[in-house]
Structures are given as structure tokens and as C-alpha cells.
Amino acid sequence: MIFRLRQAQVAEMCAHARASSPAECCGLVGGRGREAQSIYPLRNVAAAPLVAYEGAPAELFAAQRRMRERGEQLVAIYHSHPRAIDPVPSETDVRLAFYPAAIYFIIGLGGGEAALRAFRIFESERRWERVEYRVVGE
């Protein structure tokens, strides 16, 4: 089954990535099944935000609370690799992928146009695979 996002959601994630650059951005995607409903941008409080991401804990909890109120589940996590042209999960991304059911979106800004890629990350197996997604409507 292919994951679905609306064009406005992709634009929101990419705008967050550009506004955060040269630091990495991060956020959550709430939804139902394989369809995104809401984007939840988070402040990156990582010790080295140019090469890592960590969502601000209070914002992370607030986003998860809003998801529950809206009847959504955590379906995806996004972050950026500001210098990547064709982004793929880093070793750190794989090591810290604690939500095996979530899709991980990575936004690369190194090629001028933002490049959005989707992955399933298997932290316990130290591997990842690409996931197909489709951008639909507005």
C-alpha cells in the first residue's frame, strides 16, 4: 500500500526544512492508515543540530496529545539533511529509529529543489528500505 500526502503537507515540511537550514529540522506526521492528515513541526534541540535532530520534548508530547484528540496516529517522522541532494538515512538515523511502524521522510536541500524521500527503518536490524509515496491533490 502506498503512503499518501497532500501537496500542501509536502510544502509545509519543505518550508520547515528551508527555514531551519543549515540546521536539520524535524517533525511528526499524524494520520490514519497510510494517509497523512496533519504535520507537526518540532523545534530541533539536538546538541549538534547541523548533523542531528531531536524534537523538543514538550513539543513532542503536545503534538502526540493533539494527534490523539484528532483521532490520528503517528504515521511518519520527518527531518532534513540540508546538504544532501538524494537523502538517505544516516547511521545515526538508523540507530535512533525507535518507531518501527512509522515511515521516515528525509528532505534533502543540497540540490536547490527540495528532494523528499521516504523510508522504513529497521533499527534492530540496522537497515532501511525505500518506501513509495504519492503526493495527491491540494
N, C-alpha and C. Protein backbone atom coordinates (compact mmCIF):
# COMPACT_ATOMS: atom_id res chain seq x y z
N MET A 1 0.84 -1.19 0.00
CA MET A 1 0.00 0.00 0.00
C MET A 1 0.88 1.25 0.00
N ILE A 2 0.55 2.21 -0.81
CA ILE A 2 1.36 3.42 -0.99
C ILE A 2 0.90 4.51 -0.02
N PHE A 3 1.87 5.15 0.63
CA PHE A 3 1.57 6.24 1.56
C PHE A 3 1.16 7.48 0.76
N ARG A 4 0.19 8.22 1.28
CA ARG A 4 -0.34 9.39 0.56
C ARG A 4 -0.20 10.66 1.41
N LEU A 5 0.27 11.71 0.76
CA LEU A 5 0.37 13.06 1.36
C LEU A 5 -0.23 14.05 0.40
N ARG A 6 -0.74 15.14 0.93
CA ARG A 6 -1.22 16.22 0.07
C ARG A 6 -0.06 17.16 -0.25
N GLN A 7 -0.17 17.85 -1.38
CA GLN A 7 0.87 18.78 -1.81
C GLN A 7 1.15 19.83 -0.74
N ALA A 8 0.11 20.32 -0.07
CA ALA A 8 0.28 21.35 0.97
C ALA A 8 1.11 20.80 2.14
N GLN A 9 0.98 19.52 2.44
CA GLN A 9 1.76 18.92 3.53
C GLN A 9 3.24 18.82 3.15
N VAL A 10 3.49 18.44 1.91
CA VAL A 10 4.88 18.39 1.43
C VAL A 10 5.48 19.79 1.47
N ALA A 11 4.72 20.77 1.02
CA ALA A 11 5.20 22.16 1.02
C ALA A 11 5.51 22.63 2.44
N GLU A 12 4.67 22.24 3.40
CA GLU A 12 4.88 22.64 4.80
C GLU A 12 6.17 22.03 5.35
N MET A 13 6.41 20.76 5.08
CA MET A 13 7.63 20.11 5.56
C MET A 13 8.87 20.73 4.92
N CYS A 14 8.79 20.98 3.61
CA CYS A 14 9.94 21.56 2.90
C CYS A 14 10.21 22.99 3.36
N ALA A 15 9.16 23.75 3.63
CA ALA A 15 9.34 25.12 4.15
C ALA A 15 10.00 25.08 5.52
N HIS A 16 9.62 24.13 6.35
CA HIS A 16 10.24 23.97 7.66
C HIS A 16 11.73 23.65 7.50
N ALA A 17 12.05 22.77 6.56
CA ALA A 17 13.45 22.41 6.31
C ALA A 17 14.26 23.63 5.86
N ARG A 18 13.71 24.40 4.94
CA ARG A 18 14.42 25.59 4.44
C ARG A 18 14.61 26.62 5.55
N ALA A 19 13.57 26.84 6.37
CA ALA A 19 13.65 27.82 7.45
C ALA A 19 14.66 27.41 8.51
N SER A 20 14.87 26.12 8.70
CA SER A 20 15.79 25.62 9.72
C SER A 20 17.24 25.53 9.23
N SER A 21 17.44 25.48 7.93
CA SER A 21 18.77 25.31 7.35
C SER A 21 19.68 26.46 7.78
N PRO A 22 20.93 26.19 8.10
CA PRO A 22 21.70 24.97 7.83
C PRO A 22 21.51 23.86 8.85
N ALA A 23 20.71 24.09 9.91
CA ALA A 23 20.43 23.02 10.88
C ALA A 23 19.38 22.07 10.29
N GLU A 24 19.33 20.87 10.83
CA GLU A 24 18.29 19.93 10.44
C GLU A 24 16.98 20.34 11.11
N CYS A 25 15.88 20.09 10.43
CA CYS A 25 14.56 20.28 11.03
C CYS A 25 14.03 18.91 11.42
N CYS A 26 12.92 18.90 12.16
CA CYS A 26 12.28 17.63 12.47
C CYS A 26 10.81 17.87 12.80
N GLY A 27 10.03 16.82 12.65
CA GLY A 27 8.62 16.93 12.95
C GLY A 27 7.93 15.58 12.82
N LEU A 28 6.65 15.58 13.17
CA LEU A 28 5.84 14.38 13.12
C LEU A 28 4.73 14.54 12.09
N VAL A 29 4.23 13.41 11.62
CA VAL A 29 3.10 13.39 10.70
C VAL A 29 2.03 12.51 11.34
N GLY A 30 0.88 13.10 11.59
CA GLY A 30 -0.24 12.34 12.12
C GLY A 30 -1.17 11.95 11.00
N GLY A 31 -1.82 10.82 11.14
CA GLY A 31 -2.73 10.39 10.09
C GLY A 31 -3.50 9.16 10.46
N ARG A 32 -4.08 8.57 9.44
CA ARG A 32 -4.85 7.34 9.60
C ARG A 32 -4.41 6.38 8.50
N GLY A 33 -4.06 5.18 8.91
CA GLY A 33 -3.62 4.18 7.94
C GLY A 33 -2.38 4.66 7.20
N ARG A 34 -2.48 4.74 5.90
CA ARG A 34 -1.37 5.16 5.04
C ARG A 34 -1.63 6.54 4.46
N GLU A 35 -2.35 7.39 5.20
CA GLU A 35 -2.65 8.73 4.70
C GLU A 35 -2.34 9.78 5.76
N ALA A 36 -1.54 10.78 5.37
CA ALA A 36 -1.20 11.88 6.27
C ALA A 36 -2.40 12.80 6.45
N GLN A 37 -2.61 13.24 7.68
CA GLN A 37 -3.68 14.19 7.99
C GLN A 37 -3.12 15.54 8.45
N SER A 38 -2.08 15.50 9.30
CA SER A 38 -1.55 16.73 9.90
C SER A 38 -0.04 16.67 10.02
N ILE A 39 0.58 17.83 9.87
CA ILE A 39 2.02 17.98 10.05
C ILE A 39 2.25 18.70 11.37
N TYR A 40 3.21 18.21 12.15
CA TYR A 40 3.52 18.78 13.45
C TYR A 40 5.00 19.15 13.50
N PRO A 41 5.36 20.36 13.07
CA PRO A 41 6.77 20.78 13.12
C PRO A 41 7.24 20.86 14.58
N LEU A 42 8.46 20.43 14.81
CA LEU A 42 9.05 20.48 16.14
C LEU A 42 10.35 21.29 16.09
N ARG A 43 10.71 21.87 17.20
CA ARG A 43 11.99 22.56 17.32
C ARG A 43 13.06 21.51 17.52
N ASN A 44 14.17 21.63 16.81
CA ASN A 44 15.30 20.70 16.92
C ASN A 44 16.18 21.17 18.08
N VAL A 45 16.26 20.35 19.13
CA VAL A 45 17.08 20.71 20.29
C VAL A 45 18.31 19.80 20.42
N ALA A 46 18.71 19.16 19.33
CA ALA A 46 19.90 18.29 19.36
C ALA A 46 21.13 19.10 19.73
N ALA A 47 22.08 18.45 20.39
CA ALA A 47 23.32 19.11 20.78
C ALA A 47 24.10 19.57 19.56
N ALA A 48 24.00 18.84 18.44
CA ALA A 48 24.69 19.19 17.19
C ALA A 48 23.65 19.28 16.07
N PRO A 49 22.83 20.34 16.05
CA PRO A 49 21.70 20.41 15.11
C PRO A 49 22.08 20.49 13.64
N LEU A 50 23.34 20.74 13.34
CA LEU A 50 23.76 20.77 11.93
C LEU A 50 23.84 19.35 11.36
N VAL A 51 23.95 18.35 12.23
CA VAL A 51 24.10 16.97 11.75
C VAL A 51 23.19 15.97 12.46
N ALA A 52 22.28 16.45 13.30
CA ALA A 52 21.40 15.54 14.04
C ALA A 52 20.09 16.26 14.36
N TYR A 53 19.11 15.48 14.76
CA TYR A 53 17.84 16.08 15.18
C TYR A 53 17.31 15.40 16.43
N GLU A 54 16.62 16.19 17.23
CA GLU A 54 15.92 15.70 18.41
C GLU A 54 14.79 16.69 18.68
N GLY A 55 13.57 16.20 18.61
CA GLY A 55 12.42 17.07 18.83
C GLY A 55 12.36 17.56 20.27
N ALA A 56 12.01 18.83 20.44
CA ALA A 56 11.86 19.39 21.79
C ALA A 56 10.82 18.55 22.54
N PRO A 57 11.18 18.00 23.71
CA PRO A 57 10.27 17.09 24.40
C PRO A 57 8.86 17.64 24.66
N ALA A 58 8.74 18.87 25.12
CA ALA A 58 7.41 19.42 25.40
C ALA A 58 6.58 19.52 24.12
N GLU A 59 7.23 19.90 23.00
CA GLU A 59 6.52 20.00 21.73
C GLU A 59 6.14 18.61 21.22
N LEU A 60 7.01 17.64 21.43
CA LEU A 60 6.75 16.26 21.01
C LEU A 60 5.51 15.72 21.74
N PHE A 61 5.46 15.92 23.05
CA PHE A 61 4.31 15.45 23.82
C PHE A 61 3.03 16.18 23.43
N ALA A 62 3.14 17.50 23.19
CA ALA A 62 1.96 18.28 22.78
C ALA A 62 1.44 17.80 21.42
N ALA A 63 2.35 17.50 20.50
CA ALA A 63 1.94 17.01 19.18
C ALA A 63 1.23 15.66 19.30
N GLN A 64 1.77 14.78 20.13
CA GLN A 64 1.14 13.48 20.31
C GLN A 64 -0.23 13.61 20.97
N ARG A 65 -0.38 14.56 21.89
CA ARG A 65 -1.67 14.81 22.52
C ARG A 65 -2.67 15.32 21.48
N ARG A 66 -2.24 16.26 20.61
CA ARG A 66 -3.13 16.77 19.55
C ARG A 66 -3.55 15.65 18.60
N MET A 67 -2.60 14.76 18.28
CA MET A 67 -2.94 13.62 17.42
C MET A 67 -4.06 12.79 18.04
N ARG A 68 -3.92 12.47 19.32
CA ARG A 68 -4.95 11.66 19.99
C ARG A 68 -6.30 12.39 19.96
N GLU A 69 -6.28 13.71 20.23
CA GLU A 69 -7.52 14.49 20.22
C GLU A 69 -8.19 14.47 18.86
N ARG A 70 -7.39 14.42 17.79
CA ARG A 70 -7.91 14.42 16.43
C ARG A 70 -8.20 13.02 15.89
N GLY A 71 -7.93 12.00 16.70
CA GLY A 71 -8.14 10.63 16.24
C GLY A 71 -7.08 10.17 15.27
N GLU A 72 -5.90 10.77 15.34
CA GLU A 72 -4.80 10.40 14.45
C GLU A 72 -3.82 9.50 15.19
N GLN A 73 -2.98 8.86 14.39
CA GLN A 73 -1.86 8.07 14.92
C GLN A 73 -0.58 8.68 14.35
N LEU A 74 0.53 8.38 15.01
CA LEU A 74 1.84 8.77 14.46
C LEU A 74 2.11 7.85 13.28
N VAL A 75 2.08 8.40 12.06
CA VAL A 75 2.31 7.57 10.87
C VAL A 75 3.67 7.82 10.25
N ALA A 76 4.27 8.98 10.55
CA ALA A 76 5.57 9.29 9.95
C ALA A 76 6.32 10.30 10.80
N ILE A 77 7.62 10.30 10.61
CA ILE A 77 8.53 11.25 11.23
C ILE A 77 9.34 11.86 10.10
N TYR A 78 9.55 13.17 10.14
CA TYR A 78 10.36 13.78 9.08
C TYR A 78 11.51 14.57 9.68
N HIS A 79 12.57 14.66 8.90
CA HIS A 79 13.68 15.54 9.24
C HIS A 79 14.42 15.88 7.95
N SER A 80 15.37 16.78 8.06
CA SER A 80 16.08 17.20 6.85
C SER A 80 17.56 16.87 6.93
N HIS A 81 18.14 16.71 5.75
CA HIS A 81 19.59 16.64 5.56
C HIS A 81 19.90 17.83 4.64
N PRO A 82 20.20 18.99 5.23
CA PRO A 82 20.30 20.23 4.46
C PRO A 82 21.30 20.22 3.30
N ARG A 83 22.32 19.40 3.36
CA ARG A 83 23.33 19.40 2.30
C ARG A 83 23.18 18.24 1.32
N ALA A 84 22.21 17.35 1.55
CA ALA A 84 22.04 16.16 0.70
C ALA A 84 21.23 16.47 -0.55
N ILE A 85 21.64 15.89 -1.66
CA ILE A 85 20.90 16.00 -2.92
C ILE A 85 19.88 14.86 -3.01
N ASP A 86 20.33 13.65 -2.68
CA ASP A 86 19.47 12.46 -2.69
C ASP A 86 19.56 11.83 -1.30
N PRO A 87 18.78 12.33 -0.34
CA PRO A 87 18.96 11.92 1.06
C PRO A 87 18.60 10.47 1.32
N VAL A 88 19.42 9.85 2.17
CA VAL A 88 19.16 8.50 2.68
C VAL A 88 19.46 8.53 4.18
N PRO A 89 18.93 7.56 4.93
CA PRO A 89 19.17 7.55 6.38
C PRO A 89 20.66 7.41 6.71
N SER A 90 21.11 8.22 7.65
CA SER A 90 22.48 8.11 8.13
C SER A 90 22.56 6.97 9.15
N GLU A 91 23.77 6.61 9.55
CA GLU A 91 23.93 5.58 10.58
C GLU A 91 23.22 6.01 11.86
N THR A 92 23.31 7.29 12.20
CA THR A 92 22.63 7.81 13.39
C THR A 92 21.12 7.70 13.24
N ASP A 93 20.60 8.05 12.05
CA ASP A 93 19.16 7.93 11.80
C ASP A 93 18.69 6.50 12.05
N VAL A 94 19.47 5.52 11.58
CA VAL A 94 19.09 4.12 11.74
C VAL A 94 19.18 3.71 13.20
N ARG A 95 20.23 4.12 13.87
CA ARG A 95 20.45 3.75 15.28
C ARG A 95 19.35 4.31 16.19
N LEU A 96 18.81 5.47 15.83
CA LEU A 96 17.82 6.14 16.67
C LEU A 96 16.38 6.04 16.15
N ALA A 97 16.14 5.12 15.25
CA ALA A 97 14.80 4.94 14.68
C ALA A 97 13.97 4.04 15.60
N PHE A 98 13.36 4.65 16.61
CA PHE A 98 12.67 3.90 17.65
C PHE A 98 11.20 3.61 17.34
N TYR A 99 10.71 4.03 16.18
CA TYR A 99 9.30 3.82 15.83
C TYR A 99 9.23 2.96 14.57
N PRO A 100 9.33 1.64 14.70
CA PRO A 100 9.40 0.78 13.52
C PRO A 100 8.17 0.83 12.62
N ALA A 101 7.02 1.20 13.16
CA ALA A 101 5.81 1.26 12.33
C ALA A 101 5.74 2.55 11.52
N ALA A 102 6.53 3.55 11.89
CA ALA A 102 6.48 4.86 11.22
C ALA A 102 7.29 4.86 9.93
N ILE A 103 6.86 5.70 9.02
CA ILE A 103 7.65 5.99 7.82
C ILE A 103 8.54 7.17 8.17
N TYR A 104 9.76 7.15 7.69
CA TYR A 104 10.70 8.24 7.93
C TYR A 104 10.91 9.00 6.63
N PHE A 105 10.50 10.27 6.63
CA PHE A 105 10.72 11.14 5.48
C PHE A 105 11.99 11.94 5.73
N ILE A 106 12.83 12.04 4.72
CA ILE A 106 14.03 12.87 4.80
C ILE A 106 14.00 13.85 3.64
N ILE A 107 14.22 15.12 3.97
CA ILE A 107 14.19 16.19 2.99
C ILE A 107 15.62 16.63 2.72
N GLY A 108 16.06 16.50 1.48
CA GLY A 108 17.39 16.96 1.07
C GLY A 108 17.28 18.31 0.40
N LEU A 109 18.14 19.23 0.81
CA LEU A 109 18.11 20.59 0.24
C LEU A 109 19.37 20.91 -0.57
N GLY A 110 20.25 19.94 -0.75
CA GLY A 110 21.53 20.20 -1.40
C GLY A 110 21.47 20.45 -2.90
N GLY A 111 20.37 20.16 -3.53
CA GLY A 111 20.29 20.30 -4.98
C GLY A 111 19.47 21.49 -5.44
N GLY A 112 19.22 22.45 -4.57
CA GLY A 112 18.39 23.59 -4.95
C GLY A 112 16.93 23.30 -4.67
N GLU A 113 16.35 22.41 -5.44
CA GLU A 113 14.98 21.95 -5.19
C GLU A 113 15.00 20.95 -4.04
N ALA A 114 14.02 21.00 -3.18
CA ALA A 114 13.94 20.03 -2.09
C ALA A 114 13.65 18.65 -2.65
N ALA A 115 14.35 17.65 -2.12
CA ALA A 115 14.15 16.25 -2.52
C ALA A 115 13.57 15.51 -1.33
N LEU A 116 12.34 15.01 -1.44
CA LEU A 116 11.69 14.29 -0.36
C LEU A 116 11.77 12.79 -0.65
N ARG A 117 12.33 12.04 0.30
CA ARG A 117 12.44 10.59 0.17
C ARG A 117 11.79 9.95 1.40
N ALA A 118 11.26 8.75 1.22
CA ALA A 118 10.59 8.04 2.30
C ALA A 118 11.25 6.68 2.53
N PHE A 119 11.32 6.30 3.81
CA PHE A 119 12.00 5.06 4.18
C PHE A 119 11.27 4.36 5.32
N ARG A 120 11.45 3.08 5.35
CA ARG A 120 11.10 2.27 6.51
C ARG A 120 12.46 1.93 7.11
N ILE A 121 12.64 2.20 8.41
CA ILE A 121 13.93 1.95 9.06
C ILE A 121 13.74 0.87 10.11
N PHE A 122 14.63 -0.12 10.04
CA PHE A 122 14.59 -1.25 10.96
C PHE A 122 15.78 -1.14 11.90
N GLU A 123 15.59 -0.41 12.98
CA GLU A 123 16.67 -0.11 13.92
C GLU A 123 17.31 -1.38 14.45
N SER A 124 16.51 -2.36 14.83
CA SER A 124 17.05 -3.59 15.42
C SER A 124 17.89 -4.39 14.42
N GLU A 125 17.62 -4.22 13.13
CA GLU A 125 18.36 -4.92 12.09
C GLU A 125 19.42 -4.04 11.45
N ARG A 126 19.47 -2.78 11.86
CA ARG A 126 20.44 -1.80 11.34
C ARG A 126 20.37 -1.67 9.81
N ARG A 127 19.12 -1.58 9.31
CA ARG A 127 18.95 -1.43 7.86
C ARG A 127 17.74 -0.55 7.56
N TRP A 128 17.63 -0.14 6.29
CA TRP A 128 16.49 0.66 5.85
C TRP A 128 16.13 0.26 4.43
N GLU A 129 14.92 0.62 4.04
CA GLU A 129 14.48 0.39 2.65
C GLU A 129 13.60 1.57 2.23
N ARG A 130 13.62 1.85 0.96
CA ARG A 130 12.80 2.94 0.43
C ARG A 130 11.32 2.55 0.47
N VAL A 131 10.48 3.57 0.65
CA VAL A 131 9.04 3.39 0.67
C VAL A 131 8.45 4.28 -0.41
N GLU A 132 7.48 3.73 -1.12
CA GLU A 132 6.80 4.51 -2.15
C GLU A 132 5.75 5.40 -1.50
N TYR A 133 5.66 6.62 -2.01
CA TYR A 133 4.60 7.52 -1.54
C TYR A 133 4.07 8.27 -2.74
N ARG A 134 2.89 8.85 -2.56
CA ARG A 134 2.26 9.60 -3.64
C ARG A 134 1.77 10.92 -3.08
N VAL A 135 2.02 12.00 -3.84
CA VAL A 135 1.51 13.32 -3.47
C VAL A 135 0.20 13.51 -4.24
N VAL A 136 -0.86 13.80 -3.49
CA VAL A 136 -2.18 13.90 -4.10
C VAL A 136 -2.79 15.28 -3.85
N GLY A 137 -3.54 15.77 -4.80
CA GLY A 137 -4.35 17.00 -4.67
C GLY A 137 -3.68 18.15 -3.96
N GLU A 138 -4.52 18.99 -3.44
CA GLU A 138 -4.05 20.16 -2.71
C GLU A 138 -4.21 19.84 -1.25
